[in-house]
Amino acid sequence: MTQMENNNNFFERYGLEVASGEVEVGGTYPIYGMITKFLDVSEEKVVVELNFNIQATMTIPDQTKINVLKERAFEPGIFVATVTSKEDSLVKVDCSTVVFGKKQSFHA
């Protein structure tokens, strides 16, 4: 099975589709992408940049989970987020859920 067929089966199985359009403040959306930068990390809050142009705030009271985010930066994931503001080319969101794929392993 090719990668394209595998992707199509995944989308069909879960009823997903890729779409583009305007997001509305207050709307909740799944964002497919990756963490491209850590902007602020405190004891219970993490602010990251997603896909180079979305600023996501996450409430994470567990340092272990913050470390997982750092380890998985630049890996694709799905970020379920509510849009809090849209300013010119920057969208700000509150992220409630992050789902990463299976951990990649490499053998040399």
Protein backbone atom coordinates (compact mmCIF):
# COMPACT_ATOMS: atom_id res chain seq x y z
CA MET A 1 0.00 0.00 0.00
CA THR A 2 1.43 3.37 -0.96
CA GLN A 3 1.67 6.33 1.42
CA MET A 4 -1.06 8.17 -0.54
CA GLU A 5 -3.45 5.20 -0.28
CA ASN A 6 -2.67 4.91 3.43
CA ASN A 7 -3.49 8.61 3.96
CA ASN A 8 -6.74 8.31 1.98
CA ASN A 9 -7.82 5.30 4.05
CA PHE A 10 -7.06 7.20 7.26
CA PHE A 11 -9.15 10.19 6.17
CA GLU A 12 -12.02 7.95 5.03
CA ARG A 13 -11.94 5.84 8.20
CA TYR A 14 -12.25 8.87 10.48
CA GLY A 15 -14.41 11.07 8.23
CA LEU A 16 -11.72 13.76 7.94
CA GLU A 17 -10.99 16.15 5.12
CA VAL A 18 -8.41 18.81 4.44
CA ALA A 19 -9.99 22.24 4.03
CA SER A 20 -8.93 25.84 4.09
CA GLY A 21 -10.86 28.93 5.00
CA GLU A 22 -11.34 31.64 7.55
CA VAL A 23 -11.38 30.86 11.24
CA GLU A 24 -13.65 32.72 13.62
CA VAL A 25 -12.71 34.04 17.06
CA GLY A 26 -14.34 31.71 19.59
CA GLY A 27 -14.36 28.77 17.18
CA THR A 28 -12.61 25.52 18.03
CA TYR A 29 -10.62 23.82 15.29
CA PRO A 30 -8.18 20.93 14.85
CA ILE A 31 -4.87 22.32 13.62
CA TYR A 32 -2.56 19.92 11.83
CA GLY A 33 1.06 20.97 12.09
CA MET A 34 4.04 21.15 14.39
CA ILE A 35 5.57 23.22 17.16
CA THR A 36 8.07 25.48 15.42
CA LYS A 37 9.21 27.54 18.44
CA PHE A 38 8.81 27.77 22.22
CA LEU A 39 7.96 31.37 23.14
CA ASP A 40 7.43 31.05 26.91
CA VAL A 41 7.57 28.20 29.41
CA SER A 42 6.46 28.65 33.02
CA GLU A 43 5.39 26.21 35.73
CA GLU A 44 1.83 25.75 34.46
CA LYS A 45 1.67 27.52 31.09
CA VAL A 46 3.45 27.01 27.79
CA VAL A 47 3.23 29.37 24.81
CA VAL A 48 4.42 27.93 21.51
CA GLU A 49 4.41 28.87 17.87
CA LEU A 50 2.64 26.42 15.55
CA ASN A 51 3.40 26.29 11.82
CA PHE A 52 5.41 29.53 12.05
CA ASN A 53 2.29 31.75 12.34
CA ILE A 54 -0.05 30.55 15.12
CA GLN A 55 0.60 31.40 18.76
CA ALA A 56 -0.81 28.68 21.02
CA THR A 57 -1.18 28.89 24.80
CA MET A 58 -1.43 25.61 26.74
CA THR A 59 -2.10 25.08 30.42
CA ILE A 60 0.13 22.18 31.46
CA PRO A 61 0.69 21.72 35.21
CA ASP A 62 2.95 18.66 34.73
CA GLN A 63 6.65 19.18 33.94
CA THR A 64 6.84 15.69 32.41
CA LYS A 65 4.26 16.66 29.77
CA ILE A 66 6.11 19.91 29.08
CA ASN A 67 9.24 17.84 28.46
CA VAL A 68 7.30 15.64 26.01
CA LEU A 69 6.26 18.77 24.10
CA LYS A 70 9.90 19.83 23.89
CA GLU A 71 10.97 16.38 22.70
CA ARG A 72 8.23 16.23 20.05
CA ALA A 73 8.71 19.75 18.65
CA PHE A 74 8.98 19.64 14.85
CA GLU A 75 7.02 16.37 14.75
CA PRO A 76 3.56 16.49 13.17
CA GLY A 77 0.56 16.51 15.44
CA ILE A 78 -3.02 17.63 15.78
CA PHE A 79 -3.68 20.57 18.10
CA VAL A 80 -7.31 21.12 19.16
CA ALA A 81 -7.53 24.85 19.77
CA THR A 82 -10.00 27.70 20.31
CA VAL A 83 -9.22 30.93 18.46
CA THR A 84 -8.85 33.84 20.91
CA SER A 85 -7.76 36.55 18.46
CA LYS A 86 -6.74 37.26 14.87
CA GLU A 87 -4.29 40.10 14.33
CA ASP A 88 -2.99 40.75 10.81
CA SER A 89 -0.97 37.62 10.06
CA LEU A 90 -0.96 36.20 13.64
CA VAL A 91 -3.67 33.94 15.00
CA LYS A 92 -3.71 33.32 18.77
CA VAL A 93 -5.33 30.20 20.20
CA ASP A 94 -5.85 28.37 23.48
CA CYS A 95 -4.87 24.75 22.90
CA SER A 96 -6.76 22.15 24.93
CA THR A 97 -5.50 18.90 23.38
CA VAL A 98 -2.39 17.76 21.54
CA VAL A 99 -2.18 14.43 19.72
CA PHE A 100 1.14 13.24 18.32
CA GLY A 101 1.59 10.20 16.10
CA LYS A 102 3.53 7.11 16.96
CA LYS A 103 7.04 7.94 18.14
CA GLN A 104 9.49 7.65 15.26
CA SER A 105 12.56 5.49 15.79
CA PHE A 106 15.63 5.45 13.62
CA HIS A 107 18.24 2.74 13.41
CA ALA A 108 21.68 3.50 12.07
